[in-house]
Amino acid sequence: MYAIVRTGGKQYQVAQGDQLRVEKINGEVGDTVELNDVLMVVNEENVDIGTPQLENAKVSATIVEQGKAKKVIVFKKKRRKGYRLKQGHRQLYTALAIKEITV
């Protein structure tokens, strides 16, 4: 059994017991989070597809970690003008452990 969930503007395929990194969700480590934006649930032979999301479906997850990803360097330059700009960016993320999928 797995589900397609939308969070942080992205879609993820999740199953019970999976761990995944998503865009930052407010909460402390150990808190339980419910993802209600479930787009599709596949249960053995049954496939439930939402229009655009399923009404009663939800995915329960536990926050495992709050952190920052590796630094990405952003470098801008205009030739022959002496314009150079170097910036770094570290995106915030939340690591989730999927507990159960409810339809």
N, C-alpha and C. Protein backbone atom coordinates (compact mmCIF):
# COMPACT_ATOMS: atom_id res chain seq x y z
N MET A 1 0.85 -1.18 0.00
CA MET A 1 0.00 0.00 0.00
C MET A 1 0.89 1.23 0.00
N TYR A 2 0.59 2.17 -0.91
CA TYR A 2 1.32 3.42 -0.93
C TYR A 2 0.38 4.55 -1.32
N ALA A 3 0.85 5.78 -1.11
CA ALA A 3 0.03 6.95 -1.40
C ALA A 3 0.90 8.02 -2.06
N ILE A 4 0.26 8.89 -2.81
CA ILE A 4 0.91 10.06 -3.37
C ILE A 4 0.42 11.26 -2.57
N VAL A 5 1.36 11.99 -1.96
CA VAL A 5 1.04 13.09 -1.06
C VAL A 5 1.67 14.37 -1.60
N ARG A 6 0.94 15.49 -1.44
CA ARG A 6 1.49 16.79 -1.85
C ARG A 6 1.77 17.62 -0.60
N THR A 7 3.01 18.10 -0.47
CA THR A 7 3.38 18.99 0.63
C THR A 7 4.54 19.86 0.16
N GLY A 8 4.49 21.11 0.53
CA GLY A 8 5.56 22.03 0.15
C GLY A 8 5.65 22.26 -1.35
N GLY A 9 4.54 22.09 -2.08
CA GLY A 9 4.55 22.31 -3.51
C GLY A 9 5.12 21.16 -4.31
N LYS A 10 5.43 20.05 -3.67
CA LYS A 10 5.98 18.89 -4.35
C LYS A 10 5.14 17.66 -4.03
N GLN A 11 5.27 16.62 -4.86
CA GLN A 11 4.53 15.39 -4.65
C GLN A 11 5.50 14.27 -4.31
N TYR A 12 5.11 13.43 -3.35
CA TYR A 12 5.96 12.34 -2.89
C TYR A 12 5.15 11.04 -2.86
N GLN A 13 5.82 9.95 -3.20
CA GLN A 13 5.22 8.62 -3.05
C GLN A 13 5.69 8.07 -1.72
N VAL A 14 4.75 7.74 -0.84
CA VAL A 14 5.09 7.28 0.50
C VAL A 14 4.41 5.96 0.81
N ALA A 15 5.07 5.16 1.62
CA ALA A 15 4.50 3.91 2.12
C ALA A 15 4.78 3.86 3.61
N GLN A 16 4.10 2.99 4.30
CA GLN A 16 4.28 2.87 5.74
C GLN A 16 5.72 2.45 6.04
N GLY A 17 6.38 3.16 6.97
CA GLY A 17 7.75 2.86 7.34
C GLY A 17 8.79 3.67 6.58
N ASP A 18 8.39 4.42 5.55
CA ASP A 18 9.33 5.23 4.78
C ASP A 18 9.79 6.44 5.57
N GLN A 19 10.99 6.94 5.21
CA GLN A 19 11.48 8.21 5.72
C GLN A 19 11.75 9.10 4.53
N LEU A 20 11.36 10.38 4.62
CA LEU A 20 11.61 11.29 3.53
C LEU A 20 11.82 12.69 4.05
N ARG A 21 12.51 13.50 3.23
CA ARG A 21 12.75 14.90 3.55
C ARG A 21 11.80 15.75 2.74
N VAL A 22 11.09 16.64 3.42
CA VAL A 22 10.16 17.55 2.76
C VAL A 22 10.53 18.98 3.14
N GLU A 23 9.89 19.94 2.49
CA GLU A 23 10.09 21.34 2.85
C GLU A 23 9.68 21.52 4.31
N LYS A 24 10.25 22.52 4.96
CA LYS A 24 10.07 22.70 6.41
C LYS A 24 8.60 22.74 6.81
N ILE A 25 8.27 21.94 7.84
CA ILE A 25 6.96 21.93 8.48
C ILE A 25 7.19 22.33 9.93
N ASN A 26 6.39 23.24 10.44
CA ASN A 26 6.54 23.68 11.83
C ASN A 26 6.24 22.55 12.79
N GLY A 27 7.06 22.41 13.83
CA GLY A 27 6.87 21.39 14.84
C GLY A 27 8.20 20.98 15.43
N GLU A 28 8.13 20.25 16.52
CA GLU A 28 9.33 19.77 17.21
C GLU A 28 9.58 18.32 16.85
N VAL A 29 10.80 17.87 17.09
CA VAL A 29 11.14 16.47 16.86
C VAL A 29 10.29 15.59 17.77
N GLY A 30 9.65 14.58 17.19
CA GLY A 30 8.78 13.70 17.95
C GLY A 30 7.30 14.02 17.79
N ASP A 31 6.98 15.20 17.26
CA ASP A 31 5.58 15.57 17.04
C ASP A 31 4.98 14.73 15.91
N THR A 32 3.67 14.54 15.98
CA THR A 32 2.95 13.83 14.93
C THR A 32 2.33 14.84 13.99
N VAL A 33 2.48 14.59 12.69
CA VAL A 33 1.97 15.48 11.65
C VAL A 33 1.02 14.68 10.78
N GLU A 34 -0.10 15.29 10.40
CA GLU A 34 -1.03 14.65 9.48
C GLU A 34 -0.97 15.37 8.14
N LEU A 35 -0.72 14.62 7.08
CA LEU A 35 -0.71 15.16 5.73
C LEU A 35 -2.06 14.83 5.10
N ASN A 36 -2.89 15.86 4.94
CA ASN A 36 -4.26 15.65 4.46
C ASN A 36 -4.39 15.82 2.95
N ASP A 37 -3.36 16.30 2.29
CA ASP A 37 -3.40 16.54 0.85
C ASP A 37 -2.96 15.28 0.11
N VAL A 38 -3.79 14.23 0.18
CA VAL A 38 -3.50 12.93 -0.43
C VAL A 38 -4.14 12.91 -1.81
N LEU A 39 -3.33 12.66 -2.85
CA LEU A 39 -3.81 12.70 -4.22
C LEU A 39 -4.24 11.33 -4.73
N MET A 40 -3.57 10.26 -4.24
CA MET A 40 -3.87 8.93 -4.74
C MET A 40 -3.45 7.90 -3.69
N VAL A 41 -4.23 6.83 -3.56
CA VAL A 41 -3.90 5.72 -2.68
C VAL A 41 -4.02 4.43 -3.48
N VAL A 42 -2.96 3.61 -3.41
CA VAL A 42 -2.96 2.31 -4.09
C VAL A 42 -2.90 1.25 -3.01
N ASN A 43 -3.93 0.40 -2.94
CA ASN A 43 -4.02 -0.64 -1.94
C ASN A 43 -4.19 -1.97 -2.66
N GLU A 44 -3.11 -2.69 -2.84
CA GLU A 44 -3.08 -3.95 -3.57
C GLU A 44 -3.72 -3.80 -4.95
N GLU A 45 -4.99 -4.15 -5.10
CA GLU A 45 -5.65 -4.06 -6.40
C GLU A 45 -6.51 -2.81 -6.54
N ASN A 46 -6.85 -2.16 -5.44
CA ASN A 46 -7.70 -0.97 -5.48
C ASN A 46 -6.85 0.28 -5.67
N VAL A 47 -7.27 1.13 -6.59
CA VAL A 47 -6.60 2.40 -6.83
C VAL A 47 -7.63 3.50 -6.66
N ASP A 48 -7.42 4.38 -5.67
CA ASP A 48 -8.31 5.51 -5.43
C ASP A 48 -7.59 6.78 -5.88
N ILE A 49 -8.19 7.49 -6.82
CA ILE A 49 -7.60 8.72 -7.34
C ILE A 49 -8.51 9.87 -6.98
N GLY A 50 -7.95 10.92 -6.41
CA GLY A 50 -8.72 12.08 -6.01
C GLY A 50 -8.92 13.06 -7.15
N THR A 51 -9.89 13.95 -6.99
CA THR A 51 -10.14 14.98 -8.00
C THR A 51 -10.21 16.35 -7.33
N PRO A 52 -9.20 17.03 -6.98
CA PRO A 52 -7.79 16.65 -7.12
C PRO A 52 -7.25 15.86 -5.93
N GLN A 53 -7.97 15.84 -4.79
CA GLN A 53 -7.48 15.09 -3.64
C GLN A 53 -8.59 14.23 -3.05
N LEU A 54 -8.19 13.22 -2.29
CA LEU A 54 -9.16 12.33 -1.66
C LEU A 54 -9.69 12.99 -0.39
N GLU A 55 -10.99 12.85 -0.15
CA GLU A 55 -11.65 13.54 0.96
C GLU A 55 -11.23 13.01 2.33
N ASN A 56 -11.35 11.71 2.55
CA ASN A 56 -11.14 11.16 3.89
C ASN A 56 -9.76 10.56 4.10
N ALA A 57 -8.91 10.60 3.10
CA ALA A 57 -7.59 9.99 3.22
C ALA A 57 -6.63 10.93 3.94
N LYS A 58 -5.75 10.33 4.74
CA LYS A 58 -4.70 11.11 5.39
C LYS A 58 -3.51 10.21 5.67
N VAL A 59 -2.36 10.84 5.80
CA VAL A 59 -1.11 10.13 6.09
C VAL A 59 -0.58 10.68 7.40
N SER A 60 -0.33 9.80 8.37
CA SER A 60 0.23 10.21 9.65
C SER A 60 1.73 9.98 9.63
N ALA A 61 2.47 10.99 10.11
CA ALA A 61 3.93 10.90 10.12
C ALA A 61 4.46 11.52 11.40
N THR A 62 5.68 11.14 11.75
CA THR A 62 6.36 11.69 12.92
C THR A 62 7.57 12.48 12.45
N ILE A 63 7.80 13.63 13.05
CA ILE A 63 8.97 14.44 12.71
C ILE A 63 10.19 13.80 13.35
N VAL A 64 11.16 13.45 12.51
CA VAL A 64 12.38 12.80 12.97
C VAL A 64 13.50 13.82 13.14
N GLU A 65 13.52 14.83 12.26
CA GLU A 65 14.62 15.79 12.27
C GLU A 65 14.17 17.10 11.64
N GLN A 66 14.68 18.20 12.17
CA GLN A 66 14.55 19.52 11.56
C GLN A 66 15.97 19.97 11.24
N GLY A 67 16.25 20.36 10.02
CA GLY A 67 17.62 20.72 9.71
C GLY A 67 17.74 21.58 8.48
N LYS A 68 19.01 21.76 8.05
CA LYS A 68 19.33 22.52 6.86
C LYS A 68 20.07 21.62 5.89
N ALA A 69 19.76 21.76 4.62
CA ALA A 69 20.43 20.96 3.58
C ALA A 69 21.84 21.51 3.34
N LYS A 70 22.58 20.85 2.47
CA LYS A 70 23.92 21.32 2.12
C LYS A 70 23.83 22.67 1.42
N LYS A 71 24.92 23.44 1.53
CA LYS A 71 24.94 24.77 0.95
C LYS A 71 25.01 24.70 -0.58
N VAL A 72 24.20 25.55 -1.21
CA VAL A 72 24.22 25.70 -2.65
C VAL A 72 24.80 27.08 -2.94
N ILE A 73 25.81 27.14 -3.81
CA ILE A 73 26.44 28.40 -4.15
C ILE A 73 25.72 29.01 -5.35
N VAL A 74 25.34 30.29 -5.21
CA VAL A 74 24.70 31.04 -6.29
C VAL A 74 25.70 32.10 -6.72
N PHE A 75 26.17 32.03 -7.96
CA PHE A 75 27.17 32.95 -8.47
C PHE A 75 26.62 33.66 -9.70
N LYS A 76 26.59 34.99 -9.64
CA LYS A 76 26.11 35.78 -10.77
C LYS A 76 27.26 36.62 -11.29
N LYS A 77 27.31 36.82 -12.62
CA LYS A 77 28.39 37.57 -13.22
C LYS A 77 27.92 38.19 -14.52
N LYS A 78 28.36 39.41 -14.78
CA LYS A 78 28.13 40.04 -16.07
C LYS A 78 29.50 40.29 -16.70
N ARG A 79 29.68 39.83 -17.90
CA ARG A 79 30.99 39.93 -18.52
C ARG A 79 31.36 41.38 -18.83
N ARG A 80 32.61 41.69 -18.67
CA ARG A 80 33.24 42.99 -18.97
C ARG A 80 32.70 44.14 -18.13
N LYS A 81 31.93 43.87 -17.09
CA LYS A 81 31.36 44.96 -16.28
C LYS A 81 31.90 44.97 -14.85
N GLY A 82 32.61 43.95 -14.47
CA GLY A 82 33.14 43.88 -13.11
C GLY A 82 32.09 43.49 -12.08
N TYR A 83 30.93 43.03 -12.53
CA TYR A 83 29.85 42.64 -11.62
C TYR A 83 29.96 41.17 -11.31
N ARG A 84 30.22 40.87 -10.05
CA ARG A 84 30.26 39.48 -9.58
C ARG A 84 29.58 39.43 -8.23
N LEU A 85 28.73 38.43 -8.04
CA LEU A 85 27.99 38.30 -6.79
C LEU A 85 27.98 36.83 -6.41
N LYS A 86 28.44 36.52 -5.22
CA LYS A 86 28.47 35.14 -4.75
C LYS A 86 27.63 35.06 -3.48
N GLN A 87 26.65 34.14 -3.51
CA GLN A 87 25.78 33.93 -2.36
C GLN A 87 25.70 32.45 -2.08
N GLY A 88 25.44 32.13 -0.82
CA GLY A 88 25.18 30.75 -0.44
C GLY A 88 23.77 30.63 0.10
N HIS A 89 23.18 29.44 -0.06
CA HIS A 89 21.82 29.22 0.44
C HIS A 89 21.72 27.82 1.01
N ARG A 90 21.14 27.70 2.20
CA ARG A 90 20.86 26.40 2.81
C ARG A 90 19.37 26.30 3.06
N GLN A 91 18.73 25.37 2.36
CA GLN A 91 17.28 25.20 2.45
C GLN A 91 16.91 24.44 3.73
N LEU A 92 15.89 24.90 4.42
CA LEU A 92 15.39 24.22 5.61
C LEU A 92 14.56 23.01 5.20
N TYR A 93 14.67 21.92 5.95
CA TYR A 93 13.89 20.73 5.64
C TYR A 93 13.40 20.08 6.93
N THR A 94 12.42 19.20 6.76
CA THR A 94 11.91 18.39 7.85
C THR A 94 11.96 16.93 7.39
N ALA A 95 12.56 16.06 8.21
CA ALA A 95 12.60 14.63 7.91
C ALA A 95 11.41 13.99 8.60
N LEU A 96 10.62 13.23 7.83
CA LEU A 96 9.42 12.58 8.35
C LEU A 96 9.56 11.07 8.27
N ALA A 97 9.00 10.39 9.28
CA ALA A 97 8.87 8.93 9.26
C ALA A 97 7.39 8.63 9.14
N ILE A 98 6.99 7.93 8.07
CA ILE A 98 5.59 7.67 7.80
C ILE A 98 5.10 6.53 8.70
N LYS A 99 4.04 6.81 9.49
CA LYS A 99 3.50 5.80 10.40
C LYS A 99 2.38 4.99 9.76
N GLU A 100 1.37 5.69 9.20
CA GLU A 100 0.25 4.94 8.61
C GLU A 100 -0.45 5.76 7.56
N ILE A 101 -1.12 5.04 6.66
CA ILE A 101 -1.93 5.65 5.61
C ILE A 101 -3.38 5.22 5.86
N THR A 102 -4.26 6.19 6.01
CA THR A 102 -5.66 5.93 6.31
C THR A 102 -6.53 6.39 5.15
N VAL A 103 -7.46 5.54 4.73
CA VAL A 103 -8.36 5.91 3.63
C VAL A 103 -9.75 6.15 4.20
